[in-house]
Amino acid sequence: MEKSVWTVKGGRVLGPAPFLIAGIVNVTPDSFFDGGAHPDRESGTAHALALAAQGADILDVGGESTRPYAPPVSEAEELARVVPVIRELAGAATGCALSVDTYKAGVAAAALEAGADIVNDVSAFAFEPELLDVVAQYKPGYVLMHSLGRPEEMQNAPCYGDVVGEIMAFFEERITVLIKAGLPEDRIVLDPGVGFGKLLKHNLEILRGIERFRSLGLPVYMGLSNKTVWQGLLGLAVSERGNATQIGTALTAARGAFIHRVHDVKLTRQTLTIVQEIA
């Protein structure tokens, strides 16, 4: 595995490394995998610190579920969920970069003020165009993700001619807008959005096409952890998808994915260390 880097807020460079692991911190009642398990500042912070101890490089804190058909959350509620956790983690000296999983401009700005280094945006600044201004001002690391509409509608009969080609064209257009707005290119990583407005066949084409995304010259960020792609392919319930997640993570890492957003940091670090040694 070749080594890559990602520059985030303040010019901090993550890497060079063969891989980065982003641990998922859902401070939500309804996320598909662990919604309600860490619903407040104390439990969310404790979970994040546990993921840091397991070897996370990034802690990705979210206060609104973006699973298919999830209802939206008000900005005030999302702020109340994520900012206290990020503030606590910023003072905890974990060594991890801090990420906020949001598409809201106000939440992103408050989280960046509280200590976040990265904005993980499922909308590619389409839901709230003001987010582009926030990103241009703070210059954080930015996860540019492809989604076919909002969570409450994205799985309503998604259709593509060439899913990889269409996502690549989308990335090229959005990258140009981000750079023109003032975000340095080295801040951007690309998430093709597995499960976000895609059927099983589309998700599998994406996973087979990692090398094509890498041809755009930016790191690839993957979110496969316990997703419904494994239900569609193997008929697995949420609690049964851990093994599939690890195999998918290993294969996408071998194809060049650099950042892996996961629930189980400990197992993923084992998996990626093996890939590093033999791929």
Protein backbone atom coordinates (compact mmCIF):
# COMPACT_ATOMS: atom_id res chain seq x y z
CA MET A 1 0.00 0.00 0.00
CA GLU A 2 1.36 3.39 -0.94
CA LYS A 3 1.32 6.17 1.64
CA SER A 4 -0.93 9.20 1.33
CA VAL A 5 -1.63 12.42 3.22
CA TRP A 6 -4.63 14.62 3.97
CA THR A 7 -4.28 18.25 5.06
CA VAL A 8 -6.97 19.50 7.44
CA LYS A 9 -7.76 22.73 9.32
CA GLY A 10 -4.79 24.84 10.28
CA GLY A 11 -2.54 23.03 7.81
CA ARG A 12 -2.28 19.92 9.99
CA VAL A 13 -1.20 16.97 7.85
CA LEU A 14 -2.59 13.49 8.53
CA GLY A 15 0.02 11.01 7.32
CA PRO A 16 1.99 10.07 5.36
CA ALA A 17 0.34 6.74 6.12
CA PRO A 18 -0.89 3.68 4.24
CA PHE A 19 -4.37 4.22 5.70
CA LEU A 20 -6.41 6.35 8.08
CA ILE A 21 -9.31 5.13 10.22
CA ALA A 22 -12.24 7.39 11.08
CA GLY A 23 -14.17 6.11 14.09
CA ILE A 24 -17.92 6.76 13.97
CA VAL A 25 -19.39 8.65 16.92
CA ASN A 26 -23.18 8.81 16.51
CA VAL A 27 -24.69 11.15 19.09
CA THR A 28 -28.15 10.28 17.80
CA PRO A 29 -31.22 8.28 18.82
CA ASP A 30 -31.87 6.78 15.39
CA SER A 31 -28.67 5.95 13.46
CA PHE A 32 -29.09 2.59 11.74
CA PHE A 33 -26.33 0.71 13.61
CA ASP A 34 -25.96 2.21 17.08
CA GLY A 35 -28.58 4.93 17.35
CA GLY A 36 -29.34 5.66 20.99
CA ALA A 37 -26.22 3.94 22.31
CA HIS A 38 -24.36 7.21 22.87
CA PRO A 39 -27.10 9.86 23.05
CA ASP A 40 -25.49 12.60 25.15
CA ARG A 41 -22.23 14.42 25.82
CA GLU A 42 -20.97 12.02 28.48
CA SER A 43 -21.64 8.77 26.62
CA GLY A 44 -20.68 10.20 23.23
CA THR A 45 -17.37 11.48 24.56
CA ALA A 46 -16.66 8.19 26.35
CA HIS A 47 -17.34 6.24 23.16
CA ALA A 48 -15.08 8.55 21.16
CA LEU A 49 -12.27 8.17 23.67
CA ALA A 50 -12.63 4.38 23.49
CA LEU A 51 -12.33 4.54 19.69
CA ALA A 52 -9.23 6.72 20.05
CA ALA A 53 -7.71 4.12 22.37
CA GLN A 54 -8.44 1.43 19.77
CA GLY A 55 -6.37 3.31 17.21
CA ALA A 56 -8.65 5.76 15.42
CA ASP A 57 -6.88 8.53 13.50
CA ILE A 58 -10.08 10.57 13.15
CA LEU A 59 -13.19 10.81 15.31
CA ASP A 60 -16.27 11.60 13.20
CA VAL A 61 -19.05 13.07 15.35
CA GLY A 62 -22.57 13.23 13.97
CA GLY A 63 -25.84 14.49 15.41
CA GLU A 64 -28.27 13.64 12.60
CA SER A 65 -28.82 10.22 11.08
CA THR A 66 -28.39 10.15 7.28
CA ARG A 67 -29.67 6.59 6.84
CA PRO A 68 -32.27 6.18 4.08
CA TYR A 69 -35.62 7.79 4.98
CA ALA A 70 -34.22 9.36 8.16
CA PRO A 71 -36.15 12.50 9.17
CA PRO A 72 -34.20 15.78 9.35
CA VAL A 73 -33.09 17.28 12.67
CA SER A 74 -33.26 20.97 13.52
CA GLU A 75 -30.05 22.96 13.60
CA ALA A 76 -30.55 23.74 17.29
CA GLU A 77 -30.90 20.05 18.17
CA GLU A 78 -27.91 19.04 16.08
CA LEU A 79 -25.78 21.77 17.67
CA ALA A 80 -26.79 20.59 21.14
CA ARG A 81 -25.77 17.06 20.29
CA VAL A 82 -22.41 17.50 18.58
CA VAL A 83 -20.72 20.71 19.79
CA PRO A 84 -20.35 19.67 23.46
CA VAL A 85 -18.79 16.36 22.40
CA ILE A 86 -16.36 18.02 20.01
CA ARG A 87 -15.41 20.60 22.64
CA GLU A 88 -14.71 17.83 25.16
CA LEU A 89 -12.64 15.87 22.66
CA ALA A 90 -10.68 18.95 21.63
CA GLY A 91 -9.57 19.32 25.23
CA ALA A 92 -8.78 15.64 25.71
CA ALA A 93 -5.50 15.55 23.74
CA THR A 94 -6.33 12.25 22.00
CA GLY A 95 -4.08 13.00 19.04
CA CYS A 96 -7.03 12.28 16.74
CA ALA A 97 -8.29 14.75 14.19
CA LEU A 98 -11.89 15.71 14.89
CA SER A 99 -14.56 15.58 12.22
CA VAL A 100 -18.15 16.82 12.21
CA ASP A 101 -20.64 14.87 10.12
CA THR A 102 -23.06 17.57 8.98
CA TYR A 103 -24.46 19.33 5.94
CA LYS A 104 -25.60 22.39 7.90
CA ALA A 105 -23.50 25.56 7.62
CA GLY A 106 -24.26 26.69 11.17
CA VAL A 107 -23.37 23.34 12.70
CA ALA A 108 -20.16 23.11 10.70
CA ALA A 109 -19.06 26.62 11.74
CA ALA A 110 -19.82 26.00 15.43
CA ALA A 111 -18.04 22.64 15.36
CA LEU A 112 -14.98 24.13 13.69
CA GLU A 113 -14.90 26.88 16.33
CA ALA A 114 -15.17 24.19 19.03
CA GLY A 115 -12.15 22.29 17.69
CA ALA A 116 -13.18 20.22 14.68
CA ASP A 117 -10.63 19.82 11.89
CA ILE A 118 -12.81 18.22 9.20
CA VAL A 119 -16.29 18.62 7.73
CA ASN A 120 -17.85 15.38 6.51
CA ASP A 121 -20.68 16.55 4.25
CA VAL A 122 -23.09 14.05 2.68
CA SER A 123 -24.61 16.79 0.52
CA ALA A 124 -21.60 18.24 -1.31
CA PHE A 125 -22.91 21.65 -0.08
CA ALA A 126 -26.13 21.18 -2.07
CA PHE A 127 -28.58 21.19 0.86
CA GLU A 128 -27.23 24.41 2.36
CA PRO A 129 -25.10 26.34 -0.16
CA GLU A 130 -23.89 28.55 2.71
CA LEU A 131 -21.73 25.61 3.80
CA LEU A 132 -19.42 26.41 0.89
CA ASP A 133 -18.70 29.80 2.48
CA VAL A 134 -17.94 28.15 5.84
CA VAL A 135 -15.56 25.67 4.25
CA ALA A 136 -13.84 28.42 2.26
CA GLN A 137 -13.40 30.51 5.43
CA TYR A 138 -12.09 27.83 7.82
CA LYS A 139 -10.33 25.64 5.22
CA PRO A 140 -10.89 22.35 7.06
CA GLY A 141 -10.41 18.92 5.69
CA TYR A 142 -13.50 18.31 3.57
CA VAL A 143 -15.16 15.02 2.69
CA LEU A 144 -16.83 15.58 -0.67
CA MET A 145 -19.50 12.91 -0.91
CA HIS A 146 -21.90 11.94 -3.68
CA SER A 147 -25.55 11.45 -2.78
CA LEU A 148 -28.60 11.30 -5.01
CA GLY A 149 -30.84 13.64 -3.04
CA ARG A 150 -31.70 13.95 0.63
CA PRO A 151 -31.83 10.93 2.97
CA GLU A 152 -35.62 10.96 3.06
CA GLU A 153 -35.82 10.56 -0.73
CA MET A 154 -32.49 9.26 -2.05
CA GLN A 155 -33.57 5.60 -2.26
CA ASN A 156 -36.68 6.32 -4.32
CA ALA A 157 -35.72 4.43 -7.52
CA PRO A 158 -32.14 5.70 -8.06
CA CYS A 159 -31.05 5.35 -11.68
CA TYR A 160 -27.70 5.70 -13.45
CA GLY A 161 -26.29 4.93 -16.87
CA ASP A 162 -22.67 4.65 -15.71
CA VAL A 163 -22.63 5.13 -11.95
CA VAL A 164 -18.85 5.46 -11.62
CA GLY A 165 -18.55 7.80 -14.59
CA GLU A 166 -21.40 9.96 -13.36
CA ILE A 167 -19.95 10.22 -9.86
CA MET A 168 -16.55 11.13 -11.30
CA ALA A 169 -18.11 13.91 -13.37
CA PHE A 170 -19.93 15.11 -10.24
CA PHE A 171 -16.66 15.14 -8.29
CA GLU A 172 -14.85 17.08 -11.01
CA GLU A 173 -17.57 19.76 -11.04
CA ARG A 174 -17.72 20.09 -7.26
CA ILE A 175 -13.93 20.11 -6.86
CA THR A 176 -13.74 23.03 -9.28
CA VAL A 177 -16.35 24.96 -7.28
CA LEU A 178 -14.57 24.28 -3.98
CA ILE A 179 -11.18 25.39 -5.27
CA LYS A 180 -12.67 28.49 -6.90
CA ALA A 181 -14.30 29.37 -3.56
CA GLY A 182 -10.90 29.21 -1.84
CA LEU A 183 -10.54 25.71 -0.40
CA PRO A 184 -7.07 24.29 -1.14
CA GLU A 185 -7.23 21.11 -3.16
CA ASP A 186 -5.18 19.19 -0.59
CA ARG A 187 -8.06 19.59 1.90
CA ILE A 188 -10.47 17.53 -0.26
CA VAL A 189 -11.07 13.78 -0.15
CA LEU A 190 -13.65 11.90 -2.22
CA ASP A 191 -16.41 9.65 -0.88
CA PRO A 192 -18.50 7.98 -3.62
CA GLY A 193 -21.34 7.56 -1.14
CA VAL A 194 -22.02 3.85 -0.94
CA GLY A 195 -25.70 3.43 -0.04
CA PHE A 196 -26.62 7.06 -0.67
CA GLY A 197 -29.04 6.94 -3.58
CA LYS A 198 -27.68 3.66 -4.95
CA LEU A 199 -29.05 0.17 -5.50
CA LEU A 200 -26.98 -2.93 -4.79
CA LYS A 201 -25.70 -3.09 -8.37
CA HIS A 202 -24.58 0.54 -8.16
CA ASN A 203 -22.78 -0.01 -4.86
CA LEU A 204 -20.91 -3.02 -6.23
CA GLU A 205 -19.86 -1.07 -9.33
CA ILE A 206 -18.51 1.67 -7.06
CA LEU A 207 -16.52 -0.81 -5.00
CA ARG A 208 -15.06 -2.33 -8.16
CA GLY A 209 -14.17 1.14 -9.46
CA ILE A 210 -11.95 2.54 -6.69
CA GLU A 211 -9.00 2.90 -9.06
CA ARG A 212 -11.07 5.13 -11.35
CA PHE A 213 -11.86 7.51 -8.49
CA ARG A 214 -8.19 7.60 -7.55
CA SER A 215 -7.39 8.83 -11.06
CA LEU A 216 -8.81 12.22 -10.00
CA GLY A 217 -5.68 12.65 -7.87
CA LEU A 218 -7.33 12.97 -4.45
CA PRO A 219 -7.59 10.45 -1.59
CA VAL A 220 -10.63 8.15 -1.51
CA TYR A 221 -12.75 8.00 1.65
CA MET A 222 -14.90 4.89 2.13
CA GLY A 223 -17.94 4.31 4.31
CA LEU A 224 -18.86 0.62 4.18
CA SER A 225 -19.32 -0.15 7.83
CA ASN A 226 -22.34 -2.42 8.45
CA LYS A 227 -24.26 -0.88 5.54
CA THR A 228 -27.25 -2.36 3.72
CA VAL A 229 -25.06 -3.34 0.78
CA TRP A 230 -24.21 -6.40 2.87
CA GLN A 231 -27.88 -7.14 3.43
CA GLY A 232 -28.56 -6.87 -0.28
CA LEU A 233 -25.63 -9.06 -1.24
CA LEU A 234 -25.70 -11.62 1.57
CA GLY A 235 -29.02 -11.20 3.38
CA LEU A 236 -27.32 -10.09 6.59
CA ALA A 237 -29.06 -8.33 9.44
CA VAL A 238 -27.33 -5.25 10.89
CA SER A 239 -25.78 -7.25 13.73
CA GLU A 240 -24.32 -9.81 11.29
CA ARG A 241 -22.39 -7.50 8.95
CA GLY A 242 -19.06 -7.22 10.78
CA ASN A 243 -17.21 -9.87 8.76
CA ALA A 244 -18.48 -8.51 5.45
CA THR A 245 -17.43 -5.03 6.52
CA GLN A 246 -13.88 -6.18 7.21
CA ILE A 247 -13.57 -8.04 3.89
CA GLY A 248 -14.95 -5.08 1.99
CA THR A 249 -12.59 -2.75 3.82
CA ALA A 250 -9.60 -4.96 3.00
CA LEU A 251 -10.48 -5.17 -0.69
CA THR A 252 -11.13 -1.45 -1.11
CA ALA A 253 -7.91 -0.64 0.75
CA ALA A 254 -6.00 -2.93 -1.60
CA ARG A 255 -7.59 -1.03 -4.52
CA GLY A 256 -6.39 2.28 -3.09
CA ALA A 257 -8.99 3.64 -0.66
CA PHE A 258 -7.11 5.67 1.97
CA ILE A 259 -9.60 6.64 4.70
CA HIS A 260 -12.04 4.14 6.17
CA ARG A 261 -15.01 5.29 8.28
CA VAL A 262 -15.99 2.45 10.60
CA HIS A 263 -17.77 1.47 13.79
CA ASP A 264 -15.21 -1.16 14.89
CA VAL A 265 -11.84 0.58 14.96
CA LYS A 266 -9.91 -2.24 16.63
CA LEU A 267 -10.80 -4.90 14.05
CA THR A 268 -10.36 -2.47 11.17
CA ARG A 269 -6.82 -1.59 12.28
CA GLN A 270 -6.01 -5.31 12.34
CA THR A 271 -7.51 -5.76 8.88
CA LEU A 272 -5.68 -2.80 7.34
CA THR A 273 -2.37 -3.76 8.93
CA ILE A 274 -2.62 -7.14 7.23
CA VAL A 275 -3.46 -5.46 3.91
CA GLN A 276 -0.50 -3.11 4.39
CA GLU A 277 1.88 -6.04 4.78
CA ILE A 278 0.69 -8.28 1.93
CA ALA A 279 -1.16 -6.18 -0.67
